[in-house]
């Protein structure tokens, strides 16, 4: 195959690359960067970048990145199988070097097509698609109107993504402010109600009371043995406590018939926790201890403990 044959196919290449822009090329950014079976290199200067009979280098990092978006950022060689190979096969087909199926597998037919392309352009990569071969292919495309349209579309996509991110940040900030305002209002309301209850509470006369001798002794600080598990979740508890805003809250889920909600419970080795949640599986002498992270919950595991109910 000769140079003239390759040059006469440039118009077809423009059409092919036009079919890839802008969406296919933008999508190629994620599929080609981590393609399997590519031989990676961190120094593109290790390879001579040539097109035709003269040295050609990308004019800027943006051009180099666009080249990588289409053909990947690593070497392609026989045995590779990925999206970058499929795009390579499509370009070689449009140039008249490759007549096989565009299947993304770098087989012997693809190797032969690459070698023929490299011979026609004095590229010495010997069937391996490195920076020189990619640059030669990309040099045809980057001088077309399709590439300019691709750049414009890519800039538009990035601007739209930035706009979405800003709107998302504003919405999250507004949500946090609304939650903080609601919490402050709820706290103020609770304080007012508590104060009102104090005002409405009738005076209690001091009386001396002696229980009957057969009356049971009052239970203060009673201890029970429980099976303790753990969890790490956000959201609100059964009593309305917001774990999302307070991930480090010392809260346990209990069976209210055993440990009343609102009780303060001393867990040996961990401190005092508030009984503020329930659970479908938390029945009888069982508690579920809340932790801030999943790792802390897993480290706690399952324990049999004797806890003390303080009130």
C-alpha atoms as a PDB file:
ATOM      1  CA  UNK A   1       0.000   0.000   0.000  1.00  0.00           C
ATOM      2  CA  UNK A   2       1.416   3.409  -0.846  1.00  0.00           C
ATOM      3  CA  UNK A   3       1.234   6.963   0.468  1.00  0.00           C
ATOM      4  CA  UNK A   4      -1.158   8.122  -2.240  1.00  0.00           C
ATOM      5  CA  UNK A   5      -3.681   5.464  -1.261  1.00  0.00           C
ATOM      6  CA  UNK A   6      -3.553   6.628   2.341  1.00  0.00           C
ATOM      7  CA  UNK A   7      -3.918  10.284   1.458  1.00  0.00           C
ATOM      8  CA  UNK A   8      -6.916   9.692  -0.797  1.00  0.00           C
ATOM      9  CA  UNK A   9      -8.716   8.135   2.160  1.00  0.00           C
ATOM     10  CA  UNK A  10      -8.411  11.271   4.357  1.00  0.00           C
ATOM     11  CA  UNK A  11     -11.853  12.473   3.405  1.00  0.00           C
ATOM     12  CA  UNK A  12     -13.299   9.157   4.559  1.00  0.00           C
ATOM     13  CA  UNK A  13     -11.365   9.498   7.814  1.00  0.00           C
ATOM     14  CA  UNK A  14     -12.891  12.915   8.393  1.00  0.00           C
ATOM     15  CA  UNK A  15     -16.358  11.389   7.976  1.00  0.00           C
ATOM     16  CA  UNK A  16     -15.478   8.536  10.357  1.00  0.00           C
ATOM     17  CA  UNK A  17     -14.109  10.820  13.033  1.00  0.00           C
ATOM     18  CA  UNK A  18     -17.087  13.114  12.565  1.00  0.00           C
ATOM     19  CA  UNK A  19     -19.315  10.154  13.453  1.00  0.00           C
ATOM     20  CA  UNK A  20     -17.353   9.836  16.686  1.00  0.00           C
ATOM     21  CA  UNK A  21     -17.744  13.457  17.766  1.00  0.00           C
ATOM     22  CA  UNK A  22     -18.606  14.865  20.111  1.00  0.00           C
ATOM     23  CA  UNK A  23     -20.323  12.219  22.241  1.00  0.00           C
ATOM     24  CA  UNK A  24     -18.277   9.160  21.273  1.00  0.00           C
ATOM     25  CA  UNK A  25     -14.968  10.952  21.782  1.00  0.00           C
ATOM     26  CA  UNK A  26     -16.061  12.392  25.120  1.00  0.00           C
ATOM     27  CA  UNK A  27     -17.205   8.943  26.211  1.00  0.00           C
ATOM     28  CA  UNK A  28     -13.885   7.518  25.048  1.00  0.00           C
ATOM     29  CA  UNK A  29     -12.201   9.488  27.818  1.00  0.00           C
ATOM     30  CA  UNK A  30     -13.435   7.090  30.452  1.00  0.00           C
ATOM     31  CA  UNK A  31     -13.214   3.884  28.420  1.00  0.00           C
ATOM     32  CA  UNK A  32      -9.745   4.311  26.979  1.00  0.00           C
ATOM     33  CA  UNK A  33      -7.827   5.679  29.938  1.00  0.00           C
ATOM     34  CA  UNK A  34      -8.063   2.406  31.862  1.00  0.00           C
ATOM     35  CA  UNK A  35      -8.341  -0.061  28.963  1.00  0.00           C
ATOM     36  CA  UNK A  36      -7.116  -3.575  29.745  1.00  0.00           C
ATOM     37  CA  UNK A  37      -4.038  -5.078  28.098  1.00  0.00           C
ATOM     38  CA  UNK A  38      -2.493  -1.708  27.246  1.00  0.00           C
ATOM     39  CA  UNK A  39       1.243  -1.304  27.833  1.00  0.00           C
ATOM     40  CA  UNK A  40       1.425   1.938  29.850  1.00  0.00           C
ATOM     41  CA  UNK A  41       4.119   4.604  29.511  1.00  0.00           C
ATOM     42  CA  UNK A  42       4.557   7.828  31.462  1.00  0.00           C
ATOM     43  CA  UNK A  43       6.876   9.483  28.960  1.00  0.00           C
ATOM     44  CA  UNK A  44       5.448  10.121  25.532  1.00  0.00           C
ATOM     45  CA  UNK A  45       8.798  11.590  24.466  1.00  0.00           C
ATOM     46  CA  UNK A  46      10.212   8.027  24.350  1.00  0.00           C
ATOM     47  CA  UNK A  47       8.617   7.706  20.933  1.00  0.00           C
ATOM     48  CA  UNK A  48       9.207   9.772  17.794  1.00  0.00           C
ATOM     49  CA  UNK A  49       5.992  11.535  16.794  1.00  0.00           C
ATOM     50  CA  UNK A  50       5.839  11.688  13.027  1.00  0.00           C
ATOM     51  CA  UNK A  51       3.206  12.109  10.331  1.00  0.00           C
ATOM     52  CA  UNK A  52       4.021  11.669   6.645  1.00  0.00           C
ATOM     53  CA  UNK A  53       7.690  12.522   6.195  1.00  0.00           C
ATOM     54  CA  UNK A  54       8.035  15.291   8.789  1.00  0.00           C
ATOM     55  CA  UNK A  55       8.107  15.495  12.560  1.00  0.00           C
ATOM     56  CA  UNK A  56       4.754  16.575  14.047  1.00  0.00           C
ATOM     57  CA  UNK A  57       4.150  17.237  17.748  1.00  0.00           C
ATOM     58  CA  UNK A  58       0.808  18.147  19.395  1.00  0.00           C
ATOM     59  CA  UNK A  59       0.672  21.912  19.760  1.00  0.00           C
ATOM     60  CA  UNK A  60      -0.575  21.848  23.360  1.00  0.00           C
ATOM     61  CA  UNK A  61      -1.480  19.587  26.231  1.00  0.00           C
ATOM     62  CA  UNK A  62      -5.149  19.886  25.241  1.00  0.00           C
ATOM     63  CA  UNK A  63      -4.350  18.449  21.820  1.00  0.00           C
ATOM     64  CA  UNK A  64      -2.376  15.617  23.379  1.00  0.00           C
ATOM     65  CA  UNK A  65      -5.226  14.863  25.750  1.00  0.00           C
ATOM     66  CA  UNK A  66      -7.707  14.829  22.883  1.00  0.00           C
ATOM     67  CA  UNK A  67      -5.438  12.359  21.076  1.00  0.00           C
ATOM     68  CA  UNK A  68      -5.378  10.177  24.195  1.00  0.00           C
ATOM     69  CA  UNK A  69      -9.157  10.391  24.504  1.00  0.00           C
ATOM     70  CA  UNK A  70      -9.509   8.769  21.073  1.00  0.00           C
ATOM     71  CA  UNK A  71      -6.662   6.214  21.039  1.00  0.00           C
ATOM     72  CA  UNK A  72      -5.893   5.793  24.773  1.00  0.00           C
ATOM     73  CA  UNK A  73      -2.860   6.928  26.745  1.00  0.00           C
ATOM     74  CA  UNK A  74      -0.873   3.694  26.536  1.00  0.00           C
ATOM     75  CA  UNK A  75       0.683   1.507  23.874  1.00  0.00           C
ATOM     76  CA  UNK A  76      -1.571  -0.792  21.828  1.00  0.00           C
ATOM     77  CA  UNK A  77      -0.109  -4.049  20.603  1.00  0.00           C
ATOM     78  CA  UNK A  78      -1.129  -7.477  19.370  1.00  0.00           C
ATOM     79  CA  UNK A  79      -3.304  -9.278  21.921  1.00  0.00           C
ATOM     80  CA  UNK A  80      -4.868  -6.107  23.356  1.00  0.00           C
ATOM     81  CA  UNK A  81      -8.661  -5.990  23.531  1.00  0.00           C
ATOM     82  CA  UNK A  82     -10.446  -2.737  24.360  1.00  0.00           C
ATOM     83  CA  UNK A  83     -12.310   0.285  23.018  1.00  0.00           C
ATOM     84  CA  UNK A  84      -9.127   2.017  21.887  1.00  0.00           C
ATOM     85  CA  UNK A  85      -8.374  -0.903  19.551  1.00  0.00           C
ATOM     86  CA  UNK A  86     -11.868  -0.669  18.077  1.00  0.00           C
ATOM     87  CA  UNK A  87     -11.382   3.045  17.343  1.00  0.00           C
ATOM     88  CA  UNK A  88      -7.962   2.270  15.830  1.00  0.00           C
ATOM     89  CA  UNK A  89      -9.529  -0.365  13.563  1.00  0.00           C
ATOM     90  CA  UNK A  90     -12.194   2.114  12.453  1.00  0.00           C
ATOM     91  CA  UNK A  91      -9.635   4.733  11.453  1.00  0.00           C
ATOM     92  CA  UNK A  92      -7.445   2.210   9.611  1.00  0.00           C
ATOM     93  CA  UNK A  93     -10.529   0.911   7.810  1.00  0.00           C
ATOM     94  CA  UNK A  94     -11.468   4.389   6.626  1.00  0.00           C
ATOM     95  CA  UNK A  95      -7.887   4.918   5.410  1.00  0.00           C
ATOM     96  CA  UNK A  96      -8.055   1.675   3.415  1.00  0.00           C
ATOM     97  CA  UNK A  97      -5.539  -0.300   5.468  1.00  0.00           C
ATOM     98  CA  UNK A  98      -7.896  -2.594   7.370  1.00  0.00           C
ATOM     99  CA  UNK A  99     -10.758  -4.682   5.977  1.00  0.00           C
ATOM    100  CA  UNK A 100     -11.524  -6.913   8.977  1.00  0.00           C
ATOM    101  CA  UNK A 101     -14.306  -6.621  11.514  1.00  0.00           C
ATOM    102  CA  UNK A 102     -14.184  -3.747  14.010  1.00  0.00           C
ATOM    103  CA  UNK A 103     -14.286  -5.923  17.108  1.00  0.00           C
ATOM    104  CA  UNK A 104     -11.784  -4.219  19.449  1.00  0.00           C
ATOM    105  CA  UNK A 105      -9.326  -7.152  19.326  1.00  0.00           C
ATOM    106  CA  UNK A 106      -5.776  -6.464  18.155  1.00  0.00           C
ATOM    107  CA  UNK A 107      -5.374  -9.562  15.978  1.00  0.00           C
ATOM    108  CA  UNK A 108      -2.924 -10.369  13.194  1.00  0.00           C
ATOM    109  CA  UNK A 109      -5.043  -8.507  10.607  1.00  0.00           C
ATOM    110  CA  UNK A 110      -4.948  -5.375  12.757  1.00  0.00           C
ATOM    111  CA  UNK A 111      -1.199  -5.853  13.225  1.00  0.00           C
ATOM    112  CA  UNK A 112      -0.706  -6.082   9.442  1.00  0.00           C
ATOM    113  CA  UNK A 113      -2.787  -2.932   8.866  1.00  0.00           C
ATOM    114  CA  UNK A 114      -0.847  -0.997  11.516  1.00  0.00           C
ATOM    115  CA  UNK A 115       2.480  -2.145  10.068  1.00  0.00           C
ATOM    116  CA  UNK A 116       1.469  -1.054   6.548  1.00  0.00           C
ATOM    117  CA  UNK A 117       0.365   2.355   7.838  1.00  0.00           C
ATOM    118  CA  UNK A 118       3.672   2.783   9.694  1.00  0.00           C
ATOM    119  CA  UNK A 119       5.778   1.772   6.664  1.00  0.00           C
ATOM    120  CA  UNK A 120       3.987   4.332   4.477  1.00  0.00           C
ATOM    121  CA  UNK A 121       4.787   7.074   7.033  1.00  0.00           C
ATOM    122  CA  UNK A 122       8.311   6.026   8.007  1.00  0.00           C
ATOM    123  CA  UNK A 123       7.228   5.207  11.585  1.00  0.00           C
ATOM    124  CA  UNK A 124       9.467   2.643  13.313  1.00  0.00           C
ATOM    125  CA  UNK A 125       7.063   1.332  15.981  1.00  0.00           C
ATOM    126  CA  UNK A 126       6.988  -2.079  14.173  1.00  0.00           C
ATOM    127  CA  UNK A 127       3.325  -2.968  14.584  1.00  0.00           C
ATOM    128  CA  UNK A 128       3.026  -1.397  18.050  1.00  0.00           C
ATOM    129  CA  UNK A 129       0.764   1.637  18.209  1.00  0.00           C
ATOM    130  CA  UNK A 130       2.722   4.194  20.202  1.00  0.00           C
ATOM    131  CA  UNK A 131       2.778   7.966  20.335  1.00  0.00           C
ATOM    132  CA  UNK A 132       4.191   8.306  16.806  1.00  0.00           C
ATOM    133  CA  UNK A 133       1.450   6.236  15.188  1.00  0.00           C
ATOM    134  CA  UNK A 134      -1.304   7.878  17.230  1.00  0.00           C
ATOM    135  CA  UNK A 135       0.014  11.337  16.359  1.00  0.00           C
ATOM    136  CA  UNK A 136       0.105  10.503  12.657  1.00  0.00           C
ATOM    137  CA  UNK A 137      -3.519   9.340  12.780  1.00  0.00           C
ATOM    138  CA  UNK A 138      -4.639  12.240  14.924  1.00  0.00           C
ATOM    139  CA  UNK A 139      -2.807  14.815  12.781  1.00  0.00           C
ATOM    140  CA  UNK A 140      -5.252  14.054   9.971  1.00  0.00           C
ATOM    141  CA  UNK A 141      -8.247  14.601  12.233  1.00  0.00           C
ATOM    142  CA  UNK A 142      -7.120  17.645  14.235  1.00  0.00           C
ATOM    143  CA  UNK A 143      -6.973  19.848  11.150  1.00  0.00           C
ATOM    144  CA  UNK A 144     -10.627  19.246  10.283  1.00  0.00           C
ATOM    145  CA  UNK A 145     -13.741  21.207  11.130  1.00  0.00           C
ATOM    146  CA  UNK A 146     -15.038  18.152  12.976  1.00  0.00           C
ATOM    147  CA  UNK A 147     -12.228  18.458  15.510  1.00  0.00           C
ATOM    148  CA  UNK A 148     -13.017  22.141  16.058  1.00  0.00           C
ATOM    149  CA  UNK A 149     -16.667  21.199  16.561  1.00  0.00           C
ATOM    150  CA  UNK A 150     -15.556  18.534  19.033  1.00  0.00           C
ATOM    151  CA  UNK A 151     -13.542  21.082  21.034  1.00  0.00           C
ATOM    152  CA  UNK A 152     -16.504  23.460  21.113  1.00  0.00           C
ATOM    153  CA  UNK A 153     -18.861  20.704  22.204  1.00  0.00           C
ATOM    154  CA  UNK A 154     -16.424  19.478  24.860  1.00  0.00           C
ATOM    155  CA  UNK A 155     -16.131  22.985  26.302  1.00  0.00           C
ATOM    156  CA  UNK A 156     -19.914  23.224  26.338  1.00  0.00           C
ATOM    157  CA  UNK A 157     -20.203  19.891  28.164  1.00  0.00           C
ATOM    158  CA  UNK A 158     -17.627  20.931  30.758  1.00  0.00           C
ATOM    159  CA  UNK A 159     -19.426  24.253  31.296  1.00  0.00           C
ATOM    160  CA  UNK A 160     -22.735  22.405  31.763  1.00  0.00           C
ATOM    161  CA  UNK A 161     -21.126  19.983  34.230  1.00  0.00           C
ATOM    162  CA  UNK A 162     -19.699  22.906  36.211  1.00  0.00           C
ATOM    163  CA  UNK A 163     -23.112  24.558  36.241  1.00  0.00           C
ATOM    164  CA  UNK A 164     -24.735  21.372  37.551  1.00  0.00           C
ATOM    165  CA  UNK A 165     -22.085  21.030  40.268  1.00  0.00           C
ATOM    166  CA  UNK A 166     -22.624  24.629  41.393  1.00  0.00           C
ATOM    167  CA  UNK A 167     -26.402  24.156  41.492  1.00  0.00           C
ATOM    168  CA  UNK A 168     -25.953  20.953  43.482  1.00  0.00           C
ATOM    169  CA  UNK A 169     -23.666  22.729  45.961  1.00  0.00           C
ATOM    170  CA  UNK A 170     -26.180  25.569  46.361  1.00  0.00           C
ATOM    171  CA  UNK A 171     -29.009  23.079  46.928  1.00  0.00           C
ATOM    172  CA  UNK A 172     -27.002  21.181  49.545  1.00  0.00           C
ATOM    173  CA  UNK A 173     -26.109  24.423  51.328  1.00  0.00           C
ATOM    174  CA  UNK A 174     -29.749  25.530  51.290  1.00  0.00           C
ATOM    175  CA  UNK A 175     -30.778  22.136  52.703  1.00  0.00           C
ATOM    176  CA  UNK A 176     -28.235  22.389  55.519  1.00  0.00           C
ATOM    177  CA  UNK A 177     -29.368  25.913  56.357  1.00  0.00           C
ATOM    178  CA  UNK A 178     -33.019  24.831  56.369  1.00  0.00           C
ATOM    179  CA  UNK A 179     -32.241  21.860  58.627  1.00  0.00           C
ATOM    180  CA  UNK A 180     -30.253  24.071  61.001  1.00  0.00           C
ATOM    181  CA  UNK A 181     -33.091  26.594  61.123  1.00  0.00           C
ATOM    182  CA  UNK A 182     -35.666  23.864  61.767  1.00  0.00           C
ATOM    183  CA  UNK A 183     -33.501  22.367  64.526  1.00  0.00           C
ATOM    184  CA  UNK A 184     -33.074  25.763  66.164  1.00  0.00           C
ATOM    185  CA  UNK A 185     -36.827  26.412  66.025  1.00  0.00           C
ATOM    186  CA  UNK A 186     -37.545  22.958  67.458  1.00  0.00           C
ATOM    187  CA  UNK A 187     -35.081  23.525  70.295  1.00  0.00           C
ATOM    188  CA  UNK A 188     -36.588  26.921  71.071  1.00  0.00           C
ATOM    189  CA  UNK A 189     -40.098  25.433  71.057  1.00  0.00           C
ATOM    190  CA  UNK A 190     -39.035  22.600  73.368  1.00  0.00           C
ATOM    191  CA  UNK A 191     -37.461  25.101  75.756  1.00  0.00           C
ATOM    192  CA  UNK A 192     -40.642  27.184  75.811  1.00  0.00           C
ATOM    193  CA  UNK A 193     -42.806  24.116  76.448  1.00  0.00           C
ATOM    194  CA  UNK A 194     -40.524  22.957  79.261  1.00  0.00           C
ATOM    195  CA  UNK A 195     -40.654  26.353  80.871  1.00  0.00           C
ATOM    196  CA  UNK A 196     -44.438  26.391  80.566  1.00  0.00           C
ATOM    197  CA  UNK A 197     -44.688  22.959  82.178  1.00  0.00           C
ATOM    198  CA  UNK A 198     -42.677  24.226  85.126  1.00  0.00           C
ATOM    199  CA  UNK A 199     -45.072  27.144  85.536  1.00  0.00           C
ATOM    200  CA  UNK A 200     -48.131  24.883  85.346  1.00  0.00           C
ATOM    201  CA  UNK A 201     -46.758  22.247  87.743  1.00  0.00           C
ATOM    202  CA  UNK A 202     -48.637  22.335  91.065  1.00  0.00           C
ATOM    203  CA  UNK A 203     -46.716  22.825  94.261  1.00  0.00           C
ATOM    204  CA  UNK A 204     -45.883  19.581  96.056  1.00  0.00           C
ATOM    205  CA  UNK A 205     -46.130  19.429  99.808  1.00  0.00           C
ATOM    206  CA  UNK A 206     -43.351  17.711 101.682  1.00  0.00           C
ATOM    207  CA  UNK A 207     -44.618  14.508 103.210  1.00  0.00           C
ATOM    208  CA  UNK A 208     -42.891  11.859 105.202  1.00  0.00           C
ATOM    209  CA  UNK A 209     -43.624   8.520 103.625  1.00  0.00           C
ATOM    210  CA  UNK A 210     -42.602   5.174 104.968  1.00  0.00           C
ATOM    211  CA  UNK A 211     -43.241   2.215 102.692  1.00  0.00           C
ATOM    212  CA  UNK A 212     -44.800  -0.913 104.086  1.00  0.00           C
ATOM    213  CA  UNK A 213     -42.387  -3.538 105.188  1.00  0.00           C
ATOM    214  CA  UNK A 214     -43.505  -5.932 102.436  1.00  0.00           C
ATOM    215  CA  UNK A 215     -43.123  -3.325  99.626  1.00  0.00           C
ATOM    216  CA  UNK A 216     -40.309  -4.064  97.088  1.00  0.00           C
ATOM    217  CA  UNK A 217     -37.167  -1.950  97.333  1.00  0.00           C
ATOM    218  CA  UNK A 218     -36.779   0.779  94.736  1.00  0.00           C
ATOM    219  CA  UNK A 219     -34.544  -0.239  91.782  1.00  0.00           C
ATOM    220  CA  UNK A 220     -31.878   2.333  91.100  1.00  0.00           C
ATOM    221  CA  UNK A 221     -28.984   1.679  88.755  1.00  0.00           C
ATOM    222  CA  UNK A 222     -30.164  -1.840  87.992  1.00  0.00           C
ATOM    223  CA  UNK A 223     -27.962  -4.067  85.872  1.00  0.00           C
ATOM    224  CA  UNK A 224     -28.969  -6.549  83.185  1.00  0.00           C
ATOM    225  CA  UNK A 225     -27.044  -8.883  80.932  1.00  0.00           C
ATOM    226  CA  UNK A 226     -27.636  -8.250  77.222  1.00  0.00           C
ATOM    227  CA  UNK A 227     -26.471  -9.433  73.828  1.00  0.00           C
ATOM    228  CA  UNK A 228     -24.888  -6.355  72.202  1.00  0.00           C
ATOM    229  CA  UNK A 229     -24.521  -5.845  68.443  1.00  0.00           C
ATOM    230  CA  UNK A 230     -23.614  -2.680  66.549  1.00  0.00           C
ATOM    231  CA  UNK A 231     -24.626  -0.531  63.576  1.00  0.00           C
ATOM    232  CA  UNK A 232     -23.568   2.627  61.703  1.00  0.00           C
ATOM    233  CA  UNK A 233     -26.420   4.388  59.920  1.00  0.00           C
ATOM    234  CA  UNK A 234     -27.584   7.909  59.184  1.00  0.00           C
ATOM    235  CA  UNK A 235     -31.132   9.230  59.273  1.00  0.00           C
ATOM    236  CA  UNK A 236     -33.392   9.626  62.294  1.00  0.00           C
ATOM    237  CA  UNK A 237     -33.929   7.219  65.170  1.00  0.00           C
ATOM    238  CA  UNK A 238     -37.286   5.990  66.452  1.00  0.00           C
ATOM    239  CA  UNK A 239     -37.335   8.961  68.823  1.00  0.00           C
ATOM    240  CA  UNK A 240     -36.484  11.490  66.103  1.00  0.00           C
ATOM    241  CA  UNK A 241     -32.770  11.892  66.889  1.00  0.00           C
ATOM    242  CA  UNK A 242     -30.855  12.935  63.743  1.00  0.00           C
ATOM    243  CA  UNK A 243     -27.853  10.613  63.333  1.00  0.00           C
ATOM    244  CA  UNK A 244     -27.025  12.152  59.964  1.00  0.00           C
ATOM    245  CA  UNK A 245     -26.171  15.482  61.580  1.00  0.00           C
ATOM    246  CA  UNK A 246     -24.658  13.803  64.645  1.00  0.00           C
ATOM    247  CA  UNK A 247     -22.787  10.702  63.395  1.00  0.00           C
ATOM    248  CA  UNK A 248     -20.833  10.395  66.646  1.00  0.00           C
ATOM    249  CA  UNK A 249     -23.931  10.372  68.879  1.00  0.00           C
ATOM    250  CA  UNK A 250     -23.788   7.803  71.694  1.00  0.00           C
ATOM    251  CA  UNK A 251     -27.106   6.074  70.970  1.00  0.00           C
ATOM    252  CA  UNK A 252     -28.352   2.503  71.403  1.00  0.00           C
ATOM    253  CA  UNK A 253     -31.395   0.710  70.055  1.00  0.00           C
ATOM    254  CA  UNK A 254     -33.365  -1.201  72.712  1.00  0.00           C
ATOM    255  CA  UNK A 255     -36.537  -3.147  73.360  1.00  0.00           C
ATOM    256  CA  UNK A 256     -38.604  -0.476  75.202  1.00  0.00           C
ATOM    257  CA  UNK A 257     -40.278  -3.183  77.285  1.00  0.00           C
ATOM    258  CA  UNK A 258     -36.880  -4.033  78.775  1.00  0.00           C
ATOM    259  CA  UNK A 259     -35.041  -0.702  78.682  1.00  0.00           C
ATOM    260  CA  UNK A 260     -37.376   2.320  78.414  1.00  0.00           C
ATOM    261  CA  UNK A 261     -36.619   4.843  75.669  1.00  0.00           C
ATOM    262  CA  UNK A 262     -34.847   7.857  77.104  1.00  0.00           C
ATOM    263  CA  UNK A 263     -32.879   5.771  79.607  1.00  0.00           C
ATOM    264  CA  UNK A 264     -29.193   6.408  80.148  1.00  0.00           C
ATOM    265  CA  UNK A 265     -27.274   3.146  79.979  1.00  0.00           C
ATOM    266  CA  UNK A 266     -23.701   2.536  81.128  1.00  0.00           C
ATOM    267  CA  UNK A 267     -21.856   0.127  78.799  1.00  0.00           C
ATOM    268  CA  UNK A 268     -18.631  -1.148  80.390  1.00  0.00           C
ATOM    269  CA  UNK A 269     -15.574  -0.012  78.465  1.00  0.00           C
ATOM    270  CA  UNK A 270     -17.576   2.368  76.241  1.00  0.00           C
ATOM    271  CA  UNK A 271     -19.351   4.827  78.535  1.00  0.00           C
ATOM    272  CA  UNK A 272     -22.900   6.149  78.876  1.00  0.00           C
ATOM    273  CA  UNK A 273     -25.309   5.794  75.928  1.00  0.00           C
ATOM    274  CA  UNK A 274     -28.865   7.045  75.402  1.00  0.00           C
ATOM    275  CA  UNK A 275     -31.650   4.562  74.619  1.00  0.00           C
ATOM    276  CA  UNK A 276     -33.105   6.484  71.664  1.00  0.00           C
ATOM    277  CA  UNK A 277     -33.766   3.906  68.955  1.00  0.00           C
ATOM    278  CA  UNK A 278     -35.514   0.601  68.315  1.00  0.00           C
ATOM    279  CA  UNK A 279     -35.152  -2.157  65.753  1.00  0.00           C
ATOM    280  CA  UNK A 280     -37.149  -5.034  64.358  1.00  0.00           C
ATOM    281  CA  UNK A 281     -34.584  -7.571  65.556  1.00  0.00           C
ATOM    282  CA  UNK A 282     -33.931  -5.858  68.900  1.00  0.00           C
ATOM    283  CA  UNK A 283     -36.180  -7.844  71.238  1.00  0.00           C
ATOM    284  CA  UNK A 284     -35.766  -8.822  74.882  1.00  0.00           C
ATOM    285  CA  UNK A 285     -32.341  -8.479  76.487  1.00  0.00           C
ATOM    286  CA  UNK A 286     -30.603  -7.187  73.412  1.00  0.00           C
ATOM    287  CA  UNK A 287     -29.131  -3.799  72.435  1.00  0.00           C
ATOM    288  CA  UNK A 288     -27.697  -2.376  69.199  1.00  0.00           C
ATOM    289  CA  UNK A 289     -24.860   0.146  69.741  1.00  0.00           C
ATOM    290  CA  UNK A 290     -24.515   2.996  67.232  1.00  0.00           C
ATOM    291  CA  UNK A 291     -21.052   3.950  65.928  1.00  0.00           C
ATOM    292  CA  UNK A 292     -19.947   6.807  63.671  1.00  0.00           C
ATOM    293  CA  UNK A 293     -18.343   4.559  61.042  1.00  0.00           C
ATOM    294  CA  UNK A 294     -18.888   1.098  59.602  1.00  0.00           C
ATOM    295  CA  UNK A 295     -15.342   0.159  60.570  1.00  0.00           C
ATOM    296  CA  UNK A 296     -15.969   0.930  64.253  1.00  0.00           C
ATOM    297  CA  UNK A 297     -19.194  -1.085  64.154  1.00  0.00           C
ATOM    298  CA  UNK A 298     -17.431  -4.096  62.618  1.00  0.00           C
ATOM    299  CA  UNK A 299     -14.645  -3.877  65.209  1.00  0.00           C
ATOM    300  CA  UNK A 300     -17.231  -3.979  68.021  1.00  0.00           C
ATOM    301  CA  UNK A 301     -18.697  -7.247  66.715  1.00  0.00           C
ATOM    302  CA  UNK A 302     -21.113  -9.145  68.974  1.00  0.00           C
ATOM    303  CA  UNK A 303     -20.653  -9.155  72.741  1.00  0.00           C
ATOM    304  CA  UNK A 304     -22.442 -10.370  75.834  1.00  0.00           C
ATOM    305  CA  UNK A 305     -22.294  -7.530  78.348  1.00  0.00           C
ATOM    306  CA  UNK A 306     -23.726  -6.578  81.706  1.00  0.00           C
ATOM    307  CA  UNK A 307     -24.967  -2.994  81.394  1.00  0.00           C
ATOM    308  CA  UNK A 308     -26.301  -0.645  84.031  1.00  0.00           C
ATOM    309  CA  UNK A 309     -29.496   1.348  83.537  1.00  0.00           C
ATOM    310  CA  UNK A 310     -28.819   4.645  85.287  1.00  0.00           C
ATOM    311  CA  UNK A 311     -32.356   6.078  85.149  1.00  0.00           C
END
